[in-house]
Amino acid sequence: MHCEIRVEGTMSDMLTRAFPELEHVTISGQTVLFGPLIDEAQLYGLLDRCLSLGLRVVEMRRLPEPG
């Protein structure tokens, strides 16, 4: 499964390194983390990581599978 997690604000380089399994871009004052995930357990782990780092998740969505 592929997902996108939108976080409020621009994440520092240090914070983005906490998500090595995901790519990231900054769009309109939000950081968008995106990439493939193995399963829902990995997704919940990513969301928990966001919470523990004090990040405010604005939106999470599943993306269509490539190709």
PDB file of N, CA and C in Angstrom:
ATOM      1  N   MET A   1       0.845  -1.171   0.000  1.00  0.00           N
ATOM      2  CA  MET A   1       0.000   0.000   0.000  1.00  0.00           C
ATOM      3  C   MET A   1       0.891   1.234   0.000  1.00  0.00           C
ATOM      4  N   HIS A   2       0.445   2.277  -0.676  1.00  0.00           N
ATOM      5  CA  HIS A   2       1.149   3.564  -0.693  1.00  0.00           C
ATOM      6  C   HIS A   2       0.305   4.571   0.086  1.00  0.00           C
ATOM      7  N   CYS A   3       0.965   5.431   0.839  1.00  0.00           N
ATOM      8  CA  CYS A   3       0.204   6.412   1.608  1.00  0.00           C
ATOM      9  C   CYS A   3       0.870   7.775   1.567  1.00  0.00           C
ATOM     10  N   GLU A   4       0.086   8.753   1.981  1.00  0.00           N
ATOM     11  CA  GLU A   4       0.546  10.136   2.079  1.00  0.00           C
ATOM     12  C   GLU A   4       0.108  10.647   3.445  1.00  0.00           C
ATOM     13  N   ILE A   5       1.039  11.232   4.170  1.00  0.00           N
ATOM     14  CA  ILE A   5       0.743  11.820   5.477  1.00  0.00           C
ATOM     15  C   ILE A   5       1.121  13.291   5.399  1.00  0.00           C
ATOM     16  N   ARG A   6       0.141  14.169   5.607  1.00  0.00           N
ATOM     17  CA  ARG A   6       0.386  15.617   5.591  1.00  0.00           C
ATOM     18  C   ARG A   6       0.529  16.110   7.023  1.00  0.00           C
ATOM     19  N   VAL A   7       1.619  16.821   7.267  1.00  0.00           N
ATOM     20  CA  VAL A   7       1.939  17.330   8.592  1.00  0.00           C
ATOM     21  C   VAL A   7       1.950  18.853   8.539  1.00  0.00           C
ATOM     22  N   GLU A   8       1.395  19.486   9.558  1.00  0.00           N
ATOM     23  CA  GLU A   8       1.360  20.946   9.610  1.00  0.00           C
ATOM     24  C   GLU A   8       2.773  21.498   9.734  1.00  0.00           C
ATOM     25  N   GLY A   9       3.090  22.492   8.920  1.00  0.00           N
ATOM     26  CA  GLY A   9       4.384  23.170   9.003  1.00  0.00           C
ATOM     27  C   GLY A   9       5.466  22.505   8.171  1.00  0.00           C
ATOM     28  N   THR A  10       6.616  23.149   8.187  1.00  0.00           N
ATOM     29  CA  THR A  10       7.780  22.643   7.474  1.00  0.00           C
ATOM     30  C   THR A  10       8.661  21.888   8.451  1.00  0.00           C
ATOM     31  N   MET A  11       8.895  20.616   8.163  1.00  0.00           N
ATOM     32  CA  MET A  11       9.720  19.798   9.043  1.00  0.00           C
ATOM     33  C   MET A  11      11.197  20.077   8.784  1.00  0.00           C
ATOM     34  N   SER A  12      11.977  20.104   9.849  1.00  0.00           N
ATOM     35  CA  SER A  12      13.423  20.299   9.722  1.00  0.00           C
ATOM     36  C   SER A  12      14.059  19.041   9.116  1.00  0.00           C
ATOM     37  N   ASP A  13      15.306  19.171   8.692  1.00  0.00           N
ATOM     38  CA  ASP A  13      16.041  18.012   8.169  1.00  0.00           C
ATOM     39  C   ASP A  13      16.143  16.914   9.226  1.00  0.00           C
ATOM     40  N   MET A  14      16.335  17.311  10.465  1.00  0.00           N
ATOM     41  CA  MET A  14      16.438  16.334  11.548  1.00  0.00           C
ATOM     42  C   MET A  14      15.137  15.530  11.690  1.00  0.00           C
ATOM     43  N   LEU A  15      14.004  16.222  11.606  1.00  0.00           N
ATOM     44  CA  LEU A  15      12.720  15.530  11.714  1.00  0.00           C
ATOM     45  C   LEU A  15      12.456  14.627  10.512  1.00  0.00           C
ATOM     46  N   THR A  16      12.779  15.090   9.323  1.00  0.00           N
ATOM     47  CA  THR A  16      12.530  14.242   8.151  1.00  0.00           C
ATOM     48  C   THR A  16      13.417  12.997   8.174  1.00  0.00           C
ATOM     49  N   ARG A  17      14.580  13.073   8.805  1.00  0.00           N
ATOM     50  CA  ARG A  17      15.434  11.886   8.928  1.00  0.00           C
ATOM     51  C   ARG A  17      14.827  10.844   9.856  1.00  0.00           C
ATOM     52  N   ALA A  18      13.833  11.223  10.639  1.00  0.00           N
ATOM     53  CA  ALA A  18      13.135  10.274  11.506  1.00  0.00           C
ATOM     54  C   ALA A  18      12.185   9.384  10.705  1.00  0.00           C
ATOM     55  N   PHE A  19      12.036   9.680   9.408  1.00  0.00           N
ATOM     56  CA  PHE A  19      11.156   8.908   8.528  1.00  0.00           C
ATOM     57  C   PHE A  19      11.933   8.451   7.288  1.00  0.00           C
ATOM     58  N   PRO A  20      12.966   7.620   7.474  1.00  0.00           N
ATOM     59  CA  PRO A  20      13.823   7.248   6.339  1.00  0.00           C
ATOM     60  C   PRO A  20      13.102   6.421   5.275  1.00  0.00           C
ATOM     61  N   GLU A  21      11.995   5.802   5.641  1.00  0.00           N
ATOM     62  CA  GLU A  21      11.268   4.963   4.694  1.00  0.00           C
ATOM     63  C   GLU A  21      10.356   5.758   3.757  1.00  0.00           C
ATOM     64  N   LEU A  22      10.235   7.072   4.001  1.00  0.00           N
ATOM     65  CA  LEU A  22       9.336   7.905   3.212  1.00  0.00           C
ATOM     66  C   LEU A  22      10.073   9.054   2.527  1.00  0.00           C
ATOM     67  N   GLU A  23       9.565   9.450   1.382  1.00  0.00           N
ATOM     68  CA  GLU A  23      10.016  10.667   0.706  1.00  0.00           C
ATOM     69  C   GLU A  23       9.256  11.826   1.335  1.00  0.00           C
ATOM     70  N   HIS A  24       9.688  13.058   1.070  1.00  0.00           N
ATOM     71  CA  HIS A  24       8.954  14.202   1.599  1.00  0.00           C
ATOM     72  C   HIS A  24       9.106  15.414   0.679  1.00  0.00           C
ATOM     73  N   VAL A  25       8.074  16.252   0.689  1.00  0.00           N
ATOM     74  CA  VAL A  25       8.089  17.546   0.003  1.00  0.00           C
ATOM     75  C   VAL A  25       7.348  18.529   0.900  1.00  0.00           C
ATOM     76  N   THR A  26       7.614  19.814   0.693  1.00  0.00           N
ATOM     77  CA  THR A  26       6.891  20.863   1.409  1.00  0.00           C
ATOM     78  C   THR A  26       5.998  21.582   0.408  1.00  0.00           C
ATOM     79  N   ILE A  27       4.704  21.657   0.741  1.00  0.00           N
ATOM     80  CA  ILE A  27       3.725  22.294  -0.138  1.00  0.00           C
ATOM     81  C   ILE A  27       2.804  23.156   0.718  1.00  0.00           C
ATOM     82  N   SER A  28       2.712  24.427   0.395  1.00  0.00           N
ATOM     83  CA  SER A  28       1.764  25.344   1.048  1.00  0.00           C
ATOM     84  C   SER A  28       1.796  25.259   2.567  1.00  0.00           C
ATOM     85  N   GLY A  29       2.991  25.303   3.139  1.00  0.00           N
ATOM     86  CA  GLY A  29       3.097  25.324   4.590  1.00  0.00           C
ATOM     87  C   GLY A  29       2.886  23.973   5.260  1.00  0.00           C
ATOM     88  N   GLN A  30       2.850  22.906   4.484  1.00  0.00           N
ATOM     89  CA  GLN A  30       2.718  21.570   5.041  1.00  0.00           C
ATOM     90  C   GLN A  30       3.852  20.693   4.510  1.00  0.00           C
ATOM     91  N   THR A  31       4.240  19.712   5.308  1.00  0.00           N
ATOM     92  CA  THR A  31       5.198  18.712   4.845  1.00  0.00           C
ATOM     93  C   THR A  31       4.396  17.470   4.490  1.00  0.00           C
ATOM     94  N   VAL A  32       4.646  16.949   3.296  1.00  0.00           N
ATOM     95  CA  VAL A  32       3.952  15.752   2.829  1.00  0.00           C
ATOM     96  C   VAL A  32       4.957  14.608   2.821  1.00  0.00           C
ATOM     97  N   LEU A  33       4.685  13.603   3.644  1.00  0.00           N
ATOM     98  CA  LEU A  33       5.474  12.380   3.683  1.00  0.00           C
ATOM     99  C   LEU A  33       4.738  11.351   2.843  1.00  0.00           C
ATOM    100  N   PHE A  34       5.438  10.623   1.973  1.00  0.00           N
ATOM    101  CA  PHE A  34       4.736   9.666   1.110  1.00  0.00           C
ATOM    102  C   PHE A  34       5.648   8.512   0.729  1.00  0.00           C
ATOM    103  N   GLY A  35       5.012   7.393   0.430  1.00  0.00           N
ATOM    104  CA  GLY A  35       5.773   6.231   0.004  1.00  0.00           C
ATOM    105  C   GLY A  35       5.050   4.939   0.291  1.00  0.00           C
ATOM    106  N   PRO A  36       5.696   3.830  -0.064  1.00  0.00           N
ATOM    107  CA  PRO A  36       5.081   2.511   0.137  1.00  0.00           C
ATOM    108  C   PRO A  36       5.192   2.055   1.589  1.00  0.00           C
ATOM    109  N   LEU A  37       4.172   1.352   2.030  1.00  0.00           N
ATOM    110  CA  LEU A  37       4.160   0.761   3.364  1.00  0.00           C
ATOM    111  C   LEU A  37       3.867  -0.731   3.240  1.00  0.00           C
ATOM    112  N   ILE A  38       4.393  -1.502   4.161  1.00  0.00           N
ATOM    113  CA  ILE A  38       4.199  -2.952   4.132  1.00  0.00           C
ATOM    114  C   ILE A  38       2.776  -3.320   4.536  1.00  0.00           C
ATOM    115  N   ASP A  39       2.286  -2.705   5.614  1.00  0.00           N
ATOM    116  CA  ASP A  39       0.967  -3.053   6.130  1.00  0.00           C
ATOM    117  C   ASP A  39       0.455  -1.953   7.054  1.00  0.00           C
ATOM    118  N   GLU A  40      -0.738  -2.190   7.622  1.00  0.00           N
ATOM    119  CA  GLU A  40      -1.330  -1.187   8.513  1.00  0.00           C
ATOM    120  C   GLU A  40      -0.516  -1.002   9.792  1.00  0.00           C
ATOM    121  N   ALA A  41       0.152  -2.039  10.244  1.00  0.00           N
ATOM    122  CA  ALA A  41       0.976  -1.917  11.449  1.00  0.00           C
ATOM    123  C   ALA A  41       2.081  -0.880  11.232  1.00  0.00           C
ATOM    124  N   GLN A  42       2.680  -0.874  10.047  1.00  0.00           N
ATOM    125  CA  GLN A  42       3.708   0.126   9.754  1.00  0.00           C
ATOM    126  C   GLN A  42       3.092   1.519   9.721  1.00  0.00           C
ATOM    127  N   LEU A  43       1.889   1.640   9.165  1.00  0.00           N
ATOM    128  CA  LEU A  43       1.191   2.928   9.135  1.00  0.00           C
ATOM    129  C   LEU A  43       0.944   3.444  10.542  1.00  0.00           C
ATOM    130  N   TYR A  44       0.427   2.585  11.425  1.00  0.00           N
ATOM    131  CA  TYR A  44       0.181   3.007  12.801  1.00  0.00           C
ATOM    132  C   TYR A  44       1.483   3.377  13.507  1.00  0.00           C
ATOM    133  N   GLY A  45       2.561   2.691  13.173  1.00  0.00           N
ATOM    134  CA  GLY A  45       3.860   3.037  13.738  1.00  0.00           C
ATOM    135  C   GLY A  45       4.320   4.415  13.298  1.00  0.00           C
ATOM    136  N   LEU A  46       4.080   4.743  12.008  1.00  0.00           N
ATOM    137  CA  LEU A  46       4.441   6.075  11.503  1.00  0.00           C
ATOM    138  C   LEU A  46       3.616   7.166  12.186  1.00  0.00           C
ATOM    139  N   LEU A  47       2.327   6.911  12.339  1.00  0.00           N
ATOM    140  CA  LEU A  47       1.461   7.899  12.999  1.00  0.00           C
ATOM    141  C   LEU A  47       1.864   8.082  14.462  1.00  0.00           C
ATOM    142  N   ASP A  48       2.236   6.993  15.120  1.00  0.00           N
ATOM    143  CA  ASP A  48       2.710   7.075  16.502  1.00  0.00           C
ATOM    144  C   ASP A  48       4.009   7.868  16.581  1.00  0.00           C
ATOM    145  N   ARG A  49       4.886   7.673  15.600  1.00  0.00           N
ATOM    146  CA  ARG A  49       6.143   8.425  15.545  1.00  0.00           C
ATOM    147  C   ARG A  49       5.853   9.918  15.397  1.00  0.00           C
ATOM    148  N   CYS A  50       4.889  10.256  14.544  1.00  0.00           N
ATOM    149  CA  CYS A  50       4.498  11.667  14.384  1.00  0.00           C
ATOM    150  C   CYS A  50       4.050  12.237  15.725  1.00  0.00           C
ATOM    151  N   LEU A  51       3.212  11.498  16.425  1.00  0.00           N
ATOM    152  CA  LEU A  51       2.710  11.946  17.725  1.00  0.00           C
ATOM    153  C   LEU A  51       3.845  12.134  18.718  1.00  0.00           C
ATOM    154  N   SER A  52       4.755  11.177  18.778  1.00  0.00           N
ATOM    155  CA  SER A  52       5.845  11.261  19.749  1.00  0.00           C
ATOM    156  C   SER A  52       6.812  12.404  19.439  1.00  0.00           C
ATOM    157  N   LEU A  53       6.877  12.829  18.170  1.00  0.00           N
ATOM    158  CA  LEU A  53       7.744  13.949  17.790  1.00  0.00           C
ATOM    159  C   LEU A  53       7.022  15.295  17.863  1.00  0.00           C
ATOM    160  N   GLY A  54       5.766  15.278  18.290  1.00  0.00           N
ATOM    161  CA  GLY A  54       5.005  16.518  18.430  1.00  0.00           C
ATOM    162  C   GLY A  54       4.511  17.089  17.119  1.00  0.00           C
ATOM    163  N   LEU A  55       4.417  16.255  16.087  1.00  0.00           N
ATOM    164  CA  LEU A  55       3.937  16.724  14.785  1.00  0.00           C
ATOM    165  C   LEU A  55       2.415  16.651  14.739  1.00  0.00           C
ATOM    166  N   ARG A  56       1.806  17.614  14.097  1.00  0.00           N
ATOM    167  CA  ARG A  56       0.346  17.625  13.946  1.00  0.00           C
ATOM    168  C   ARG A  56      -0.010  17.091  12.567  1.00  0.00           C
ATOM    169  N   VAL A  57      -0.609  15.888  12.537  1.00  0.00           N
ATOM    170  CA  VAL A  57      -1.030  15.285  11.275  1.00  0.00           C
ATOM    171  C   VAL A  57      -2.321  15.958  10.838  1.00  0.00           C
ATOM    172  N   VAL A  58      -2.293  16.530   9.636  1.00  0.00           N
ATOM    173  CA  VAL A  58      -3.450  17.226   9.083  1.00  0.00           C
ATOM    174  C   VAL A  58      -4.318  16.262   8.276  1.00  0.00           C
ATOM    175  N   GLU A  59      -3.664  15.343   7.559  1.00  0.00           N
ATOM    176  CA  GLU A  59      -4.397  14.421   6.699  1.00  0.00           C
ATOM    177  C   GLU A  59      -3.544  13.180   6.456  1.00  0.00           C
ATOM    178  N   MET A  60      -4.196  12.037   6.344  1.00  0.00           N
ATOM    179  CA  MET A  60      -3.538  10.796   5.957  1.00  0.00           C
ATOM    180  C   MET A  60      -4.448  10.151   4.930  1.00  0.00           C
ATOM    181  N   ARG A  61      -3.859   9.692   3.823  1.00  0.00           N
ATOM    182  CA  ARG A  61      -4.687   8.988   2.852  1.00  0.00           C
ATOM    183  C   ARG A  61      -3.886   7.927   2.126  1.00  0.00           C
ATOM    184  N   ARG A  62      -4.630   6.953   1.686  1.00  0.00           N
ATOM    185  CA  ARG A  62      -4.045   5.871   0.905  1.00  0.00           C
ATOM    186  C   ARG A  62      -4.007   6.310  -0.558  1.00  0.00           C
ATOM    187  N   LEU A  63      -2.891   6.084  -1.208  1.00  0.00           N
ATOM    188  CA  LEU A  63      -2.721   6.469  -2.604  1.00  0.00           C
ATOM    189  C   LEU A  63      -2.926   5.248  -3.506  1.00  0.00           C
ATOM    190  N   PRO A  64      -3.325   5.477  -4.761  1.00  0.00           N
ATOM    191  CA  PRO A  64      -3.460   4.358  -5.690  1.00  0.00           C
ATOM    192  C   PRO A  64      -2.101   3.691  -5.904  1.00  0.00           C
ATOM    193  N   GLU A  65      -2.139   2.405  -6.103  1.00  0.00           N
ATOM    194  CA  GLU A  65      -0.901   1.649  -6.378  1.00  0.00           C
ATOM    195  C   GLU A  65      -0.335   2.100  -7.722  1.00  0.00           C
ATOM    196  N   PRO A  66       0.982   2.284  -7.802  1.00  0.00           N
ATOM    197  CA  PRO A  66       1.576   2.706  -9.078  1.00  0.00           C
ATOM    198  C   PRO A  66       1.492   1.601 -10.131  1.00  0.00           C
ATOM    199  N   GLY A  67       1.409   2.062 -11.369  1.00  0.00           N
ATOM    200  CA  GLY A  67       1.529   1.222 -12.515  1.00  0.00           C
ATOM    201  C   GLY A  67       0.509   0.280 -12.850  1.00  0.00           C
TER     202      GLY A  67
END
